[in-house]
PDB file of N, CA and C in Angstrom:
ATOM      1  N   UNK A   1      95.174 125.060 140.413  1.00  0.00           N
ATOM      2  CA  UNK A   1      94.303 126.169 140.769  1.00  0.00           C
ATOM      3  C   UNK A   1      94.872 127.490 140.247  1.00  0.00           C
ATOM      4  N   UNK A   2      96.187 127.591 140.254  1.00  0.00           N
ATOM      5  CA  UNK A   2      96.830 128.825 139.787  1.00  0.00           C
ATOM      6  C   UNK A   2      96.631 129.014 138.285  1.00  0.00           C
ATOM      7  N   UNK A   3      96.606 127.920 137.533  1.00  0.00           N
ATOM      8  CA  UNK A   3      96.397 128.020 136.092  1.00  0.00           C
ATOM      9  C   UNK A   3      95.004 128.561 135.784  1.00  0.00           C
ATOM     10  N   UNK A   4      94.033 128.100 136.550  1.00  0.00           N
ATOM     11  CA  UNK A   4      92.661 128.563 136.343  1.00  0.00           C
ATOM     12  C   UNK A   4      92.560 130.052 136.663  1.00  0.00           C
ATOM     13  N   UNK A   5      93.162 130.447 137.750  1.00  0.00           N
ATOM     14  CA  UNK A   5      93.138 131.865 138.143  1.00  0.00           C
ATOM     15  C   UNK A   5      93.833 132.738 137.094  1.00  0.00           C
ATOM     16  N   UNK A   6      94.974 132.261 136.618  1.00  0.00           N
ATOM     17  CA  UNK A   6      95.714 133.001 135.597  1.00  0.00           C
ATOM     18  C   UNK A   6      94.883 133.105 134.308  1.00  0.00           C
ATOM     19  N   UNK A   7      94.232 132.018 133.937  1.00  0.00           N
ATOM     20  CA  UNK A   7      93.391 132.027 132.741  1.00  0.00           C
ATOM     21  C   UNK A   7      92.275 133.060 132.872  1.00  0.00           C
ATOM     22  N   UNK A   8      91.614 133.089 134.005  1.00  0.00           N
ATOM     23  CA  UNK A   8      90.501 134.019 134.225  1.00  0.00           C
ATOM     24  C   UNK A   8      91.010 135.463 134.204  1.00  0.00           C
ATOM     25  N   UNK A   9      92.144 135.721 134.823  1.00  0.00           N
ATOM     26  CA  UNK A   9      92.703 137.071 134.824  1.00  0.00           C
ATOM     27  C   UNK A   9      93.080 137.511 133.408  1.00  0.00           C
ATOM     28  N   UNK A  10      93.710 136.616 132.653  1.00  0.00           N
ATOM     29  CA  UNK A  10      94.078 136.939 131.265  1.00  0.00           C
ATOM     30  C   UNK A  10      92.842 137.191 130.417  1.00  0.00           C
ATOM     31  N   UNK A  11      91.818 136.399 130.638  1.00  0.00           N
ATOM     32  CA  UNK A  11      90.574 136.567 129.888  1.00  0.00           C
ATOM     33  C   UNK A  11      89.937 137.915 130.199  1.00  0.00           C
ATOM     34  N   UNK A  12      89.918 138.299 131.462  1.00  0.00           N
ATOM     35  CA  UNK A  12      89.348 139.589 131.848  1.00  0.00           C
ATOM     36  C   UNK A  12      90.129 140.751 131.224  1.00  0.00           C
ATOM     37  N   UNK A  13      91.438 140.618 131.134  1.00  0.00           N
ATOM     38  CA  UNK A  13      92.251 141.665 130.509  1.00  0.00           C
ATOM     39  C   UNK A  13      91.905 141.791 129.025  1.00  0.00           C
ATOM     40  N   UNK A  14      91.742 140.678 128.359  1.00  0.00           N
ATOM     41  CA  UNK A  14      91.410 140.705 126.932  1.00  0.00           C
ATOM     42  C   UNK A  14      90.019 141.283 126.695  1.00  0.00           C
ATOM     43  N   UNK A  15      89.079 140.966 127.570  1.00  0.00           N
ATOM     44  CA  UNK A  15      87.718 141.487 127.436  1.00  0.00           C
ATOM     45  C   UNK A  15      87.724 143.013 127.572  1.00  0.00           C
ATOM     46  N   UNK A  16      88.557 143.543 128.428  1.00  0.00           N
ATOM     47  CA  UNK A  16      88.646 144.997 128.602  1.00  0.00           C
ATOM     48  C   UNK A  16      89.186 145.682 127.352  1.00  0.00           C
ATOM     49  N   UNK A  17      89.957 144.966 126.538  1.00  0.00           N
ATOM     50  CA  UNK A  17      90.527 145.530 125.321  1.00  0.00           C
ATOM     51  C   UNK A  17      89.506 145.597 124.179  1.00  0.00           C
ATOM     52  N   UNK A  18      88.435 144.856 124.299  1.00  0.00           N
ATOM     53  CA  UNK A  18      87.427 144.806 123.237  1.00  0.00           C
ATOM     54  C   UNK A  18      86.686 146.133 123.134  1.00  0.00           C
ATOM     55  N   UNK A  19      86.267 146.443 121.926  1.00  0.00           N
ATOM     56  CA  UNK A  19      85.426 147.630 121.753  1.00  0.00           C
ATOM     57  C   UNK A  19      83.982 147.156 121.618  1.00  0.00           C
ATOM     58  N   UNK A  20      83.145 147.578 122.514  1.00  0.00           N
ATOM     59  CA  UNK A  20      81.766 147.136 122.557  1.00  0.00           C
ATOM     60  C   UNK A  20      80.887 148.144 121.830  1.00  0.00           C
ATOM     61  N   UNK A  21      79.822 147.670 121.154  1.00  0.00           N
ATOM     62  CA  UNK A  21      78.942 148.591 120.426  1.00  0.00           C
ATOM     63  C   UNK A  21      78.113 149.449 121.388  1.00  0.00           C
ATOM     64  N   UNK A  22      77.736 150.621 120.879  1.00  0.00           N
ATOM     65  CA  UNK A  22      76.858 151.478 121.667  1.00  0.00           C
ATOM     66  C   UNK A  22      75.436 150.928 121.577  1.00  0.00           C
ATOM     67  N   UNK A  23      74.540 151.485 122.387  1.00  0.00           N
ATOM     68  CA  UNK A  23      73.148 151.039 122.337  1.00  0.00           C
ATOM     69  C   UNK A  23      72.545 151.278 120.964  1.00  0.00           C
ATOM     70  N   UNK A  24      72.861 152.407 120.350  1.00  0.00           N
ATOM     71  CA  UNK A  24      72.328 152.718 119.025  1.00  0.00           C
ATOM     72  C   UNK A  24      72.840 151.739 117.977  1.00  0.00           C
ATOM     73  N   UNK A  25      74.122 151.430 118.025  1.00  0.00           N
ATOM     74  CA  UNK A  25      74.686 150.475 117.078  1.00  0.00           C
ATOM     75  C   UNK A  25      74.065 149.093 117.263  1.00  0.00           C
ATOM     76  N   UNK A  26      73.882 148.707 118.498  1.00  0.00           N
ATOM     77  CA  UNK A  26      73.285 147.407 118.793  1.00  0.00           C
ATOM     78  C   UNK A  26      71.840 147.353 118.302  1.00  0.00           C
ATOM     79  N   UNK A  27      71.100 148.424 118.510  1.00  0.00           N
ATOM     80  CA  UNK A  27      69.708 148.489 118.055  1.00  0.00           C
ATOM     81  C   UNK A  27      69.641 148.409 116.538  1.00  0.00           C
ATOM     82  N   UNK A  28      70.496 149.172 115.841  1.00  0.00           N
ATOM     83  CA  UNK A  28      70.495 149.164 114.382  1.00  0.00           C
ATOM     84  C   UNK A  28      70.860 147.783 113.833  1.00  0.00           C
ATOM     85  N   UNK A  29      71.844 147.153 114.432  1.00  0.00           N
ATOM     86  CA  UNK A  29      72.249 145.824 113.987  1.00  0.00           C
ATOM     87  C   UNK A  29      71.137 144.808 114.202  1.00  0.00           C
ATOM     88  N   UNK A  30      70.483 144.883 115.345  1.00  0.00           N
ATOM     89  CA  UNK A  30      69.388 143.966 115.637  1.00  0.00           C
ATOM     90  C   UNK A  30      68.234 144.187 114.672  1.00  0.00           C
ATOM     91  N   UNK A  31      67.911 145.442 114.393  1.00  0.00           N
ATOM     92  CA  UNK A  31      66.839 145.768 113.452  1.00  0.00           C
ATOM     93  C   UNK A  31      67.178 145.245 112.055  1.00  0.00           C
ATOM     94  N   UNK A  32      68.408 145.408 111.629  1.00  0.00           N
ATOM     95  CA  UNK A  32      68.839 144.912 110.329  1.00  0.00           C
ATOM     96  C   UNK A  32      68.708 143.395 110.242  1.00  0.00           C
ATOM     97  N   UNK A  33      69.117 142.704 111.277  1.00  0.00           N
ATOM     98  CA  UNK A  33      69.010 141.248 111.297  1.00  0.00           C
ATOM     99  C   UNK A  33      67.548 140.816 111.211  1.00  0.00           C
ATOM    100  N   UNK A  34      66.670 141.478 111.934  1.00  0.00           N
ATOM    101  CA  UNK A  34      65.255 141.122 111.902  1.00  0.00           C
ATOM    102  C   UNK A  34      64.643 141.374 110.527  1.00  0.00           C
ATOM    103  N   UNK A  35      65.015 142.486 109.891  1.00  0.00           N
ATOM    104  CA  UNK A  35      64.492 142.792 108.560  1.00  0.00           C
ATOM    105  C   UNK A  35      64.966 141.756 107.553  1.00  0.00           C
ATOM    106  N   UNK A  36      66.250 141.423 107.589  1.00  0.00           N
ATOM    107  CA  UNK A  36      66.780 140.407 106.669  1.00  0.00           C
ATOM    108  C   UNK A  36      66.114 139.065 106.929  1.00  0.00           C
ATOM    109  N   UNK A  37      65.874 138.731 108.170  1.00  0.00           N
ATOM    110  CA  UNK A  37      65.208 137.481 108.516  1.00  0.00           C
ATOM    111  C   UNK A  37      63.808 137.417 107.919  1.00  0.00           C
ATOM    112  N   UNK A  38      63.054 138.497 108.019  1.00  0.00           N
ATOM    113  CA  UNK A  38      61.705 138.539 107.459  1.00  0.00           C
ATOM    114  C   UNK A  38      61.746 138.414 105.937  1.00  0.00           C
ATOM    115  N   UNK A  39      62.664 139.148 105.294  1.00  0.00           N
ATOM    116  CA  UNK A  39      62.772 139.099 103.837  1.00  0.00           C
ATOM    117  C   UNK A  39      63.125 137.684 103.377  1.00  0.00           C
ATOM    118  N   UNK A  40      64.091 137.053 104.032  1.00  0.00           N
ATOM    119  CA  UNK A  40      64.468 135.698 103.652  1.00  0.00           C
ATOM    120  C   UNK A  40      63.348 134.702 103.912  1.00  0.00           C
ATOM    121  N   UNK A  41      62.608 134.897 104.974  1.00  0.00           N
ATOM    122  CA  UNK A  41      61.477 134.019 105.265  1.00  0.00           C
ATOM    123  C   UNK A  41      60.426 134.108 104.169  1.00  0.00           C
ATOM    124  N   UNK A  42      60.103 135.320 103.741  1.00  0.00           N
ATOM    125  CA  UNK A  42      59.132 135.515 102.666  1.00  0.00           C
ATOM    126  C   UNK A  42      59.647 134.893 101.371  1.00  0.00           C
ATOM    127  N   UNK A  43      60.933 135.089 101.073  1.00  0.00           N
ATOM    128  CA  UNK A  43      61.517 134.523  99.862  1.00  0.00           C
ATOM    129  C   UNK A  43      61.446 132.993  99.867  1.00  0.00           C
ATOM    130  N   UNK A  44      61.849 132.375 100.954  1.00  0.00           N
ATOM    131  CA  UNK A  44      61.830 130.909 101.039  1.00  0.00           C
ATOM    132  C   UNK A  44      60.401 130.394 100.957  1.00  0.00           C
ATOM    133  N   UNK A  45      59.465 131.063 101.599  1.00  0.00           N
ATOM    134  CA  UNK A  45      58.062 130.640 101.531  1.00  0.00           C
ATOM    135  C   UNK A  45      57.540 130.751 100.105  1.00  0.00           C
ATOM    136  N   UNK A  46      57.900 131.811  99.390  1.00  0.00           N
ATOM    137  CA  UNK A  46      57.453 131.989  98.011  1.00  0.00           C
ATOM    138  C   UNK A  46      58.038 130.903  97.108  1.00  0.00           C
ATOM    139  N   UNK A  47      59.322 130.633  97.246  1.00  0.00           N
ATOM    140  CA  UNK A  47      59.947 129.571  96.444  1.00  0.00           C
ATOM    141  C   UNK A  47      59.313 128.229  96.773  1.00  0.00           C
ATOM    142  N   UNK A  48      59.035 127.978  98.018  1.00  0.00           N
ATOM    143  CA  UNK A  48      58.394 126.729  98.427  1.00  0.00           C
ATOM    144  C   UNK A  48      57.026 126.581  97.775  1.00  0.00           C
ATOM    145  N   UNK A  49      56.243 127.638  97.767  1.00  0.00           N
ATOM    146  CA  UNK A  49      54.913 127.576  97.166  1.00  0.00           C
ATOM    147  C   UNK A  49      54.993 127.366  95.666  1.00  0.00           C
ATOM    148  N   UNK A  50      55.929 128.026  95.010  1.00  0.00           N
ATOM    149  CA  UNK A  50      56.094 127.863  93.559  1.00  0.00           C
ATOM    150  C   UNK A  50      56.497 126.436  93.234  1.00  0.00           C
ATOM    151  N   UNK A  51      57.465 125.903  93.948  1.00  0.00           N
ATOM    152  CA  UNK A  51      57.889 124.526  93.700  1.00  0.00           C
ATOM    153  C   UNK A  51      56.776 123.534  94.009  1.00  0.00           C
ATOM    154  N   UNK A  52      56.030 123.779  95.052  1.00  0.00           N
ATOM    155  CA  UNK A  52      54.892 122.916  95.389  1.00  0.00           C
ATOM    156  C   UNK A  52      53.871 122.910  94.255  1.00  0.00           C
ATOM    157  N   UNK A  53      53.610 124.078  93.682  1.00  0.00           N
ATOM    158  CA  UNK A  53      52.678 124.186  92.567  1.00  0.00           C
ATOM    159  C   UNK A  53      53.147 123.359  91.373  1.00  0.00           C
ATOM    160  N   UNK A  54      54.433 123.469  91.034  1.00  0.00           N
ATOM    161  CA  UNK A  54      54.954 122.709  89.895  1.00  0.00           C
ATOM    162  C   UNK A  54      54.965 121.218  90.160  1.00  0.00           C
ATOM    163  N   UNK A  55      55.256 120.820  91.369  1.00  0.00           N
ATOM    164  CA  UNK A  55      55.231 119.386  91.691  1.00  0.00           C
ATOM    165  C   UNK A  55      53.821 118.854  91.574  1.00  0.00           C
ATOM    166  N   UNK A  56      52.829 119.624  92.021  1.00  0.00           N
ATOM    167  CA  UNK A  56      51.423 119.204  91.889  1.00  0.00           C
ATOM    168  C   UNK A  56      51.041 119.081  90.425  1.00  0.00           C
ATOM    169  N   UNK A  57      51.516 119.986  89.560  1.00  0.00           N
ATOM    170  CA  UNK A  57      51.218 119.893  88.140  1.00  0.00           C
ATOM    171  C   UNK A  57      51.823 118.630  87.534  1.00  0.00           C
ATOM    172  N   UNK A  58      53.021 118.292  87.951  1.00  0.00           N
ATOM    173  CA  UNK A  58      53.698 117.116  87.392  1.00  0.00           C
ATOM    174  C   UNK A  58      53.104 115.812  87.903  1.00  0.00           C
ATOM    175  N   UNK A  59      52.568 115.798  89.097  1.00  0.00           N
ATOM    176  CA  UNK A  59      52.069 114.548  89.679  1.00  0.00           C
ATOM    177  C   UNK A  59      50.555 114.409  89.529  1.00  0.00           C
ATOM    178  N   UNK A  60      49.883 115.397  89.007  1.00  0.00           N
ATOM    179  CA  UNK A  60      48.426 115.324  88.895  1.00  0.00           C
ATOM    180  C   UNK A  60      47.988 114.519  87.697  1.00  0.00           C
TER     181      UNK A  60
END
């Protein structure tokens, strides 16, 4: 039981040492991730459609 308690206390000390992002930084990072996700989704969909077109030409 003492090992578990010691582990939790050590973990809490380490968490306090971390530097957490501000709300603005978190918002900007989230927005960036969403934009990149949309761009990559469009890119993959476009490549998929192009490859589908060529496969149809080869198998028709």
